[in-house]
C-alpha cells in the first residue's frame, strides 16, 4: 500500500494539475461540454416540469412580480401557450404521464394550495387542498395520485402527504419533516428532503409498501430537489462551498457522481431520454438548459483518456478550478480502483487544499489511501 501511495506522489511531480502546464503536444478538445439553452423566456423561470415520454414542457415564469404557467414543446418553433393568465402566484408545476398538470397557487390561499389542470379538457383547474394547510411541491405518482408537502395548522414543519381525485388529502409519513418529494417511476418509493439532521437538507427515501425510511445522501452539504430518472437513479442539487451543482446517485446510495460544474449555476434537475435538463441563469433570468446525461465534463472511453481531460481542464485559461475539480472527480467515479483514479484523487486533494477546502481535501486523499 505504501509503495502504491509513494508512486502516486512521484507521479504527481510530473502531472500535478497546475494551470498553464504543458500537458500535450497537440491541442486537446475542451474539457467541458457546452450547455444548450432550451427555453427563451424573457421572465425568469422558477420551476419546470417535463413528461419523460413526450416533448411537453411546462414552466412557472415570473413577470412583474407574478408567476404564470406556460406550456410548450422542446425543440418546437412555436409560441408558448398560457395555462394560467390571471395575476396570481403559480409555481412548482409537475406533469402526469398523460396530459395533467398539478401546481401550487396562492389564488385563494396565500399559504398555497395544490391544483390539478387537464389542458385536454374544458373543466378548468380543480382545487385539491384547502386553506387549512400550507401545501407545496406536488409530484405525480404513476396512478395520477399526487404526493406533496403539507404543513398542518400550528405546525412549523411540513409532512409528506397524498391526495387523489377524491380531494381528501392525508399524511403519509408522520414524525419526519419532508419537502420536495419525487415519486419513482414504479410508484413504490418517494425521495424527499428532510432537515431533521442537517439544516441544509438531506435526501431520504420512503418505501411506500413498508413505510420505512432510509437515508440516501447525507453529509456536510445542502442537498435539495431530488428527481427520479426512469433508470431508477436520483438526480439532485448539491449546494457546497463552490455553489450549486447537480449530482446523481443510485437508489441504494452507490454511484455518487457530480454532473455540472460549480459556479456556473444549475438547479432543478430532470432527465429525459438520456438528456439532463436543469435551470441556469441568463441575462433575461433563469431558463431551461440541457446537457448530455454524462454531464458537463467531457466523457472519455478509458481511464487514461479521462485523466487527460482533467489535465486539459487544469490548463484552461483563464483558470477554472471548479472545472478541474469536476473533471478530477469524473476520473475517480468513472474509473475506480485504477492508478489514474488514485492519481486524480491525489491531485484533487492538492487542488482543494489550495482552494481552502480542507475537509473535502481530506476526503480526496482518503481515496488515494483506499
Protein backbone atom coordinates (compact mmCIF):
# COMPACT_ATOMS: atom_id res chain seq x y z
CA UNK A 1 0.00 0.00 0.00
CA UNK A 2 2.81 2.47 0.96
CA UNK A 3 4.63 1.66 -2.29
CA UNK A 4 1.45 2.46 -4.24
CA UNK A 5 0.98 5.80 -2.43
CA UNK A 6 4.67 6.65 -2.94
CA UNK A 7 4.34 6.01 -6.68
CA UNK A 8 1.40 8.36 -6.79
CA UNK A 9 3.42 11.06 -5.01
CA UNK A 10 6.24 10.71 -7.51
CA UNK A 11 3.87 10.82 -10.46
CA UNK A 12 2.27 13.98 -9.07
CA UNK A 13 5.52 15.86 -9.60
CA UNK A 14 5.16 15.28 -13.33
CA UNK A 15 1.40 15.64 -13.76
CA UNK A 16 0.31 17.94 -10.92
CA UNK A 17 -2.77 19.84 -12.07
CA UNK A 18 -1.34 23.32 -12.21
CA UNK A 19 -2.71 25.99 -14.55
CA UNK A 20 -0.63 26.64 -17.61
CA UNK A 21 1.24 23.34 -17.57
CA UNK A 22 2.18 21.86 -20.93
CA UNK A 23 0.07 18.71 -20.98
CA UNK A 24 0.05 17.65 -24.61
CA UNK A 25 1.90 18.43 -27.79
CA UNK A 26 -1.30 18.90 -29.80
CA UNK A 27 -4.36 20.86 -28.61
CA UNK A 28 -6.98 18.67 -26.99
CA UNK A 29 -10.75 19.20 -27.13
CA UNK A 30 -12.18 21.40 -24.41
CA UNK A 31 -12.70 19.62 -21.11
CA UNK A 32 -16.26 20.83 -20.72
CA UNK A 33 -19.34 20.21 -22.84
CA UNK A 34 -21.30 23.33 -23.93
CA UNK A 35 -24.73 23.81 -22.40
CA UNK A 36 -27.62 24.19 -24.81
CA UNK A 37 -30.41 26.61 -23.93
CA UNK A 38 -33.87 25.08 -24.33
CA UNK A 39 -36.26 27.83 -23.21
CA UNK A 40 -36.05 31.51 -24.07
CA UNK A 41 -38.39 33.23 -21.64
CA UNK A 42 -37.92 36.95 -21.06
CA UNK A 43 -39.13 36.46 -17.48
CA UNK A 44 -37.30 34.23 -15.04
CA UNK A 45 -38.27 30.54 -14.94
CA UNK A 46 -38.72 29.47 -11.31
CA UNK A 47 -39.65 25.86 -11.92
CA UNK A 48 -40.40 23.50 -14.79
CA UNK A 49 -41.77 20.05 -15.44
CA UNK A 50 -41.38 17.60 -18.29
CA UNK A 51 -43.07 14.44 -19.42
CA UNK A 52 -40.44 11.68 -19.71
CA UNK A 53 -42.20 10.20 -22.73
CA UNK A 54 -43.02 13.32 -24.75
CA UNK A 55 -41.57 16.73 -25.55
CA UNK A 56 -44.05 18.65 -23.38
CA UNK A 57 -42.54 21.31 -21.12
CA UNK A 58 -44.44 23.37 -18.52
CA UNK A 59 -42.74 26.32 -16.83
CA UNK A 60 -43.54 28.72 -13.98
CA UNK A 61 -42.43 32.10 -15.34
CA UNK A 62 -42.24 35.29 -13.29
CA UNK A 63 -43.23 38.62 -14.87
CA UNK A 64 -43.90 41.86 -12.96
CA UNK A 65 -43.87 40.09 -9.62
CA UNK A 66 -46.40 37.39 -10.60
CA UNK A 67 -45.82 33.82 -11.72
CA UNK A 68 -47.78 32.19 -14.53
CA UNK A 69 -47.69 28.75 -16.08
CA UNK A 70 -46.86 28.31 -19.76
CA UNK A 71 -46.71 25.18 -21.89
CA UNK A 72 -44.51 24.46 -24.89
CA UNK A 73 -42.62 21.62 -26.55
CA UNK A 74 -38.88 21.06 -26.60
CA UNK A 75 -37.45 21.89 -29.99
CA UNK A 76 -40.74 23.27 -31.28
CA UNK A 77 -40.82 26.57 -33.16
CA UNK A 78 -43.97 27.91 -31.55
CA UNK A 79 -45.10 30.46 -29.00
CA UNK A 80 -45.63 29.03 -25.51
CA UNK A 81 -49.27 28.53 -24.57
CA UNK A 82 -50.58 30.30 -21.48
CA UNK A 83 -52.09 27.88 -18.96
CA UNK A 84 -52.77 30.46 -16.25
CA UNK A 85 -53.30 34.07 -17.28
CA UNK A 86 -54.68 35.84 -14.22
CA UNK A 87 -52.26 37.77 -11.95
CA UNK A 88 -51.52 35.38 -9.11
CA UNK A 89 -48.71 33.15 -7.92
CA UNK A 90 -48.46 29.86 -9.81
CA UNK A 91 -45.49 27.64 -9.06
CA UNK A 92 -43.99 24.14 -8.80
CA UNK A 93 -45.60 22.53 -11.88
CA UNK A 94 -45.46 18.76 -12.30
CA UNK A 95 -46.70 16.61 -15.18
CA UNK A 96 -48.51 13.29 -15.15
CA UNK A 97 -47.71 10.56 -17.64
CA UNK A 98 -50.76 11.77 -19.56
CA UNK A 99 -51.74 15.40 -20.04
CA UNK A 100 -52.48 16.57 -16.49
CA UNK A 101 -50.62 19.37 -14.72
CA UNK A 102 -50.50 19.77 -10.94
CA UNK A 103 -49.21 23.01 -9.46
CA UNK A 104 -49.26 25.33 -6.45
CA UNK A 105 -51.35 28.51 -6.49
CA UNK A 106 -51.96 31.27 -3.95
CA UNK A 107 -55.04 32.43 -5.87
CA UNK A 108 -57.43 31.67 -2.98
CA UNK A 109 -55.00 30.96 -0.15
CA UNK A 110 -51.79 32.92 0.46
CA UNK A 111 -50.23 29.82 2.06
CA UNK A 112 -50.61 27.87 -1.21
CA UNK A 113 -52.92 25.09 -2.40
CA UNK A 114 -52.48 22.21 -4.84
CA UNK A 115 -54.46 22.45 -8.09
CA UNK A 116 -54.99 19.99 -10.93
CA UNK A 117 -55.45 21.05 -14.55
CA UNK A 118 -56.09 18.92 -17.62
CA UNK A 119 -55.37 21.08 -20.70
CA UNK A 120 -57.10 18.48 -22.91
CA UNK A 121 -60.47 19.09 -21.21
CA UNK A 122 -62.68 22.12 -20.62
CA UNK A 123 -63.19 21.55 -16.90
CA UNK A 124 -60.65 24.14 -15.76
CA UNK A 125 -58.43 23.94 -12.67
CA UNK A 126 -59.59 21.76 -9.76
CA UNK A 127 -58.52 22.74 -6.24
CA UNK A 128 -57.32 19.62 -4.39
CA UNK A 129 -56.39 21.12 -0.99
CA UNK A 130 -57.85 23.97 1.03
CA UNK A 131 -56.95 26.91 3.26
CA UNK A 132 -56.50 24.83 6.41
CA UNK A 133 -52.99 23.75 5.38
CA UNK A 134 -49.95 25.17 3.60
CA UNK A 135 -49.28 22.96 0.59
CA UNK A 136 -46.30 22.79 -1.80
CA UNK A 137 -44.08 20.64 -4.01
CA UNK A 138 -46.55 18.34 -5.85
CA UNK A 139 -45.24 15.18 -7.55
CA UNK A 140 -47.31 12.74 -9.62
CA UNK A 141 -47.29 9.02 -8.97
CA UNK A 142 -47.88 6.68 -11.96
CA UNK A 143 -51.53 6.22 -10.89
CA UNK A 144 -52.08 10.03 -11.06
CA UNK A 145 -52.28 10.48 -7.31
CA UNK A 146 -50.18 13.37 -6.07
CA UNK A 147 -47.65 13.43 -3.25
CA UNK A 148 -46.83 16.83 -1.77
CA UNK A 149 -45.56 18.58 1.35
CA UNK A 150 -48.29 19.73 3.73
CA UNK A 151 -47.93 21.88 6.84
CA UNK A 152 -50.78 21.42 9.29
CA UNK A 153 -52.22 24.30 11.34
CA UNK A 154 -50.00 25.14 14.31
CA UNK A 155 -47.07 23.14 12.93
CA UNK A 156 -43.77 24.59 11.76
CA UNK A 157 -42.61 21.66 9.65
CA UNK A 158 -44.03 20.07 6.52
CA UNK A 159 -45.03 16.42 6.28
CA UNK A 160 -45.37 14.12 3.30
CA UNK A 161 -48.99 13.90 2.18
CA UNK A 162 -51.01 12.39 -0.65
CA UNK A 163 -54.18 13.41 -2.47
CA UNK A 164 -56.23 11.78 -5.23
CA UNK A 165 -59.32 12.55 -7.28
CA UNK A 166 -61.45 12.36 -4.12
CA UNK A 167 -59.75 15.58 -2.93
CA UNK A 168 -59.19 14.10 0.52
CA UNK A 169 -55.52 14.71 1.39
CA UNK A 170 -53.91 12.70 4.17
CA UNK A 171 -50.50 12.48 5.79
CA UNK A 172 -48.46 9.54 4.51
CA UNK A 173 -45.46 9.83 6.82
CA UNK A 174 -45.68 11.21 10.35
CA UNK A 175 -42.84 12.27 12.61
CA UNK A 176 -40.40 13.23 9.84
CA UNK A 177 -40.31 16.57 8.09
CA UNK A 178 -40.49 16.17 4.32
CA UNK A 179 -40.37 18.64 1.42
CA UNK A 180 -39.71 18.42 -2.33
CA UNK A 181 -40.96 14.83 -2.81
CA UNK A 182 -40.28 12.93 -6.04
CA UNK A 183 -42.07 9.65 -6.79
CA UNK A 184 -40.22 6.85 -8.57
CA UNK A 185 -41.47 5.67 -11.96
CA UNK A 186 -42.56 2.41 -10.33
CA UNK A 187 -44.63 4.29 -7.77
CA UNK A 188 -43.02 2.24 -5.00
CA UNK A 189 -40.67 4.82 -3.48
CA UNK A 190 -40.57 8.54 -2.72
CA UNK A 191 -37.36 10.54 -2.43
CA UNK A 192 -37.67 13.70 -0.36
CA UNK A 193 -35.68 16.33 1.54
CA UNK A 194 -35.56 16.36 5.34
CA UNK A 195 -33.97 18.93 7.65
CA UNK A 196 -34.05 16.73 10.75
CA UNK A 197 -30.29 16.16 10.93
CA UNK A 198 -28.98 18.88 8.62
CA UNK A 199 -30.47 22.38 8.37
CA UNK A 200 -29.26 22.48 4.78
CA UNK A 201 -31.21 19.36 3.87
CA UNK A 202 -30.53 15.63 3.37
CA UNK A 203 -32.22 13.28 0.91
CA UNK A 204 -34.15 10.31 2.27
CA UNK A 205 -36.16 7.54 0.57
CA UNK A 206 -39.53 6.23 1.71
CA UNK A 207 -40.61 2.72 0.77
CA UNK A 208 -44.38 3.05 0.35
CA UNK A 209 -45.18 -0.63 0.87
CA UNK A 210 -43.31 -0.92 4.16
CA UNK A 211 -43.50 2.76 5.19
CA UNK A 212 -39.80 2.59 6.07
CA UNK A 213 -37.37 5.47 5.61
CA UNK A 214 -33.65 5.28 4.90
CA UNK A 215 -31.03 7.97 4.20
CA UNK A 216 -29.82 8.30 0.63
CA UNK A 217 -27.48 11.32 0.67
CA UNK A 218 -26.30 12.87 3.94
CA UNK A 219 -23.32 14.94 4.92
CA UNK A 220 -21.96 18.44 5.31
CA UNK A 221 -23.58 19.82 2.15
CA UNK A 222 -27.11 21.01 1.45
CA UNK A 223 -28.90 18.51 -0.79
CA UNK A 224 -32.16 19.58 -2.42
CA UNK A 225 -34.57 18.93 -5.30
CA UNK A 226 -34.38 15.13 -5.76
CA UNK A 227 -35.68 13.87 -9.10
CA UNK A 228 -36.05 10.20 -10.09
CA UNK A 229 -34.93 9.04 -13.50
CA UNK A 230 -36.56 6.23 -15.47
CA UNK A 231 -33.49 4.09 -14.81
CA UNK A 232 -34.02 4.36 -11.04
CA UNK A 233 -31.29 6.88 -10.31
CA UNK A 234 -31.90 10.08 -8.37
CA UNK A 235 -30.70 13.47 -9.56
CA UNK A 236 -30.36 16.24 -7.00
CA UNK A 237 -28.92 19.70 -6.41
CA UNK A 238 -25.98 19.94 -4.00
CA UNK A 239 -25.02 23.35 -2.62
CA UNK A 240 -21.44 23.34 -1.44
CA UNK A 241 -18.68 25.87 -0.91
CA UNK A 242 -18.29 26.39 -4.65
CA UNK A 243 -22.02 26.90 -5.30
CA UNK A 244 -24.84 24.77 -6.69
CA UNK A 245 -24.04 21.59 -8.61
CA UNK A 246 -26.15 18.75 -9.98
CA UNK A 247 -25.28 15.24 -8.88
CA UNK A 248 -26.75 11.79 -9.40
CA UNK A 249 -26.80 8.67 -7.23
CA UNK A 250 -28.20 5.15 -7.43
CA UNK A 251 -31.22 4.39 -5.26
CA UNK A 252 -29.04 2.27 -2.96
CA UNK A 253 -26.67 5.18 -2.34
CA UNK A 254 -23.88 3.94 -4.62
CA UNK A 255 -22.56 5.63 -7.76
CA UNK A 256 -22.49 9.20 -6.43
CA UNK A 257 -21.32 11.43 -9.31
CA UNK A 258 -21.02 15.16 -9.96
CA UNK A 259 -22.61 16.20 -13.29
CA UNK A 260 -22.27 20.00 -13.52
CA UNK A 261 -19.55 22.48 -12.65
CA UNK A 262 -19.95 24.61 -9.54
CA UNK A 263 -20.11 28.36 -10.04
CA UNK A 264 -21.96 28.10 -13.37
CA UNK A 265 -25.42 27.76 -11.84
CA UNK A 266 -27.57 24.63 -12.13
CA UNK A 267 -30.63 23.50 -10.22
CA UNK A 268 -33.96 21.66 -10.58
CA UNK A 269 -32.53 18.64 -12.49
CA UNK A 270 -34.64 16.36 -14.68
CA UNK A 271 -33.70 13.53 -17.03
CA UNK A 272 -35.49 12.66 -20.26
CA UNK A 273 -34.19 10.32 -22.98
CA UNK A 274 -30.63 10.35 -21.61
CA UNK A 275 -30.55 14.16 -21.59
CA UNK A 276 -30.06 16.23 -18.44
CA UNK A 277 -32.32 19.30 -18.13
CA UNK A 278 -31.92 21.99 -15.48
CA UNK A 279 -32.35 25.69 -14.70
CA UNK A 280 -29.50 28.18 -15.05
CA UNK A 281 -29.28 31.95 -15.19
CA UNK A 282 -29.23 34.05 -18.37
CA UNK A 283 -29.21 37.87 -18.72
CA UNK A 284 -33.00 37.71 -19.05
CA UNK A 285 -33.41 35.48 -15.99
CA UNK A 286 -33.30 31.74 -15.35
CA UNK A 287 -34.14 29.44 -18.27
CA UNK A 288 -34.04 25.73 -19.05
CA UNK A 289 -30.81 24.22 -20.39
CA UNK A 290 -29.71 20.75 -21.40
CA UNK A 291 -26.54 18.65 -21.32
CA UNK A 292 -25.75 15.04 -22.21
CA UNK A 293 -26.63 12.81 -19.27
CA UNK A 294 -22.90 12.09 -18.84
CA UNK A 295 -22.58 15.66 -17.57
CA UNK A 296 -20.69 18.88 -18.17
CA UNK A 297 -17.23 17.29 -18.22
CA UNK A 298 -16.37 15.53 -21.46
CA UNK A 299 -16.74 11.74 -21.25
CA UNK A 300 -13.69 9.69 -22.29
CA UNK A 301 -13.50 5.98 -23.14
CA UNK A 302 -10.63 4.98 -20.84
CA UNK A 303 -9.12 5.92 -17.50
CA UNK A 304 -6.04 7.43 -19.15
CA UNK A 305 -8.11 9.49 -21.55
CA UNK A 306 -10.35 10.69 -18.71
CA UNK A 307 -7.30 11.80 -16.73
CA UNK A 308 -6.11 13.64 -19.84
CA UNK A 309 -9.43 15.50 -19.86
CA UNK A 310 -8.76 16.56 -16.26
CA UNK A 311 -5.31 17.80 -17.21
CA UNK A 312 -6.84 19.78 -20.06
CA UNK A 313 -9.24 21.32 -17.55
CA UNK A 314 -6.32 22.27 -15.32
CA UNK A 315 -4.64 24.05 -18.23
CA UNK A 316 -7.75 26.10 -19.10
CA UNK A 317 -7.11 29.85 -19.43
CA UNK A 318 -8.45 31.72 -17.56
CA UNK A 319 -8.10 29.28 -14.72
CA UNK A 320 -11.27 27.44 -13.73
CA UNK A 321 -10.61 25.48 -10.56
CA UNK A 322 -14.20 24.26 -10.29
CA UNK A 323 -13.99 22.73 -13.76
CA UNK A 324 -10.79 20.95 -12.72
CA UNK A 325 -12.48 19.69 -9.53
CA UNK A 326 -15.37 18.24 -11.54
CA UNK A 327 -13.00 16.71 -14.12
CA UNK A 328 -10.86 15.01 -11.49
CA UNK A 329 -13.95 13.66 -9.73
CA UNK A 330 -15.07 12.17 -13.04
CA UNK A 331 -11.87 10.11 -13.19
CA UNK A 332 -12.39 8.90 -9.63
CA UNK A 333 -16.04 7.93 -10.03
CA UNK A 334 -15.81 6.70 -13.61
CA UNK A 335 -12.70 4.53 -13.23
CA UNK A 336 -12.42 3.48 -9.57
CA UNK A 337 -9.59 1.22 -8.38
CA UNK A 338 -7.27 2.31 -11.18
CA UNK A 339 -3.90 4.08 -10.94
CA UNK A 340 -5.47 7.01 -12.79
CA UNK A 341 -8.18 7.30 -10.13
CA UNK A 342 -5.55 7.34 -7.39
CA UNK A 343 -3.61 9.99 -9.28
CA UNK A 344 -6.76 12.06 -9.75
CA UNK A 345 -7.66 11.75 -6.05
CA UNK A 346 -4.21 12.97 -5.02
CA UNK A 347 -4.34 15.89 -7.45
CA UNK A 348 -7.85 16.71 -6.28
CA UNK A 349 -6.71 16.80 -2.66
CA UNK A 350 -3.89 19.20 -3.52
CA UNK A 351 -6.22 21.44 -5.50
CA UNK A 352 -8.87 21.54 -2.76
CA UNK A 353 -6.21 22.42 -0.19
CA UNK A 354 -5.18 25.35 -2.37
CA UNK A 355 -8.85 26.36 -2.59
CA UNK A 356 -9.05 26.37 1.24
CA UNK A 357 -11.44 23.40 1.41
CA UNK A 358 -9.55 21.13 3.85
CA UNK A 359 -12.43 18.78 4.71
CA UNK A 360 -13.02 17.98 1.03
CA UNK A 361 -9.27 17.62 0.51
CA UNK A 362 -9.09 15.05 3.30
CA UNK A 363 -11.85 13.01 1.66
CA UNK A 364 -9.98 13.13 -1.64
CA UNK A 365 -6.73 11.95 -0.04
CA UNK A 366 -8.69 9.08 1.57
CA UNK A 367 -9.49 7.89 -1.96
CA UNK A 368 -5.73 7.54 -2.58
CA UNK A 369 -5.19 5.54 0.59
CA UNK A 370 -8.21 3.37 -0.28
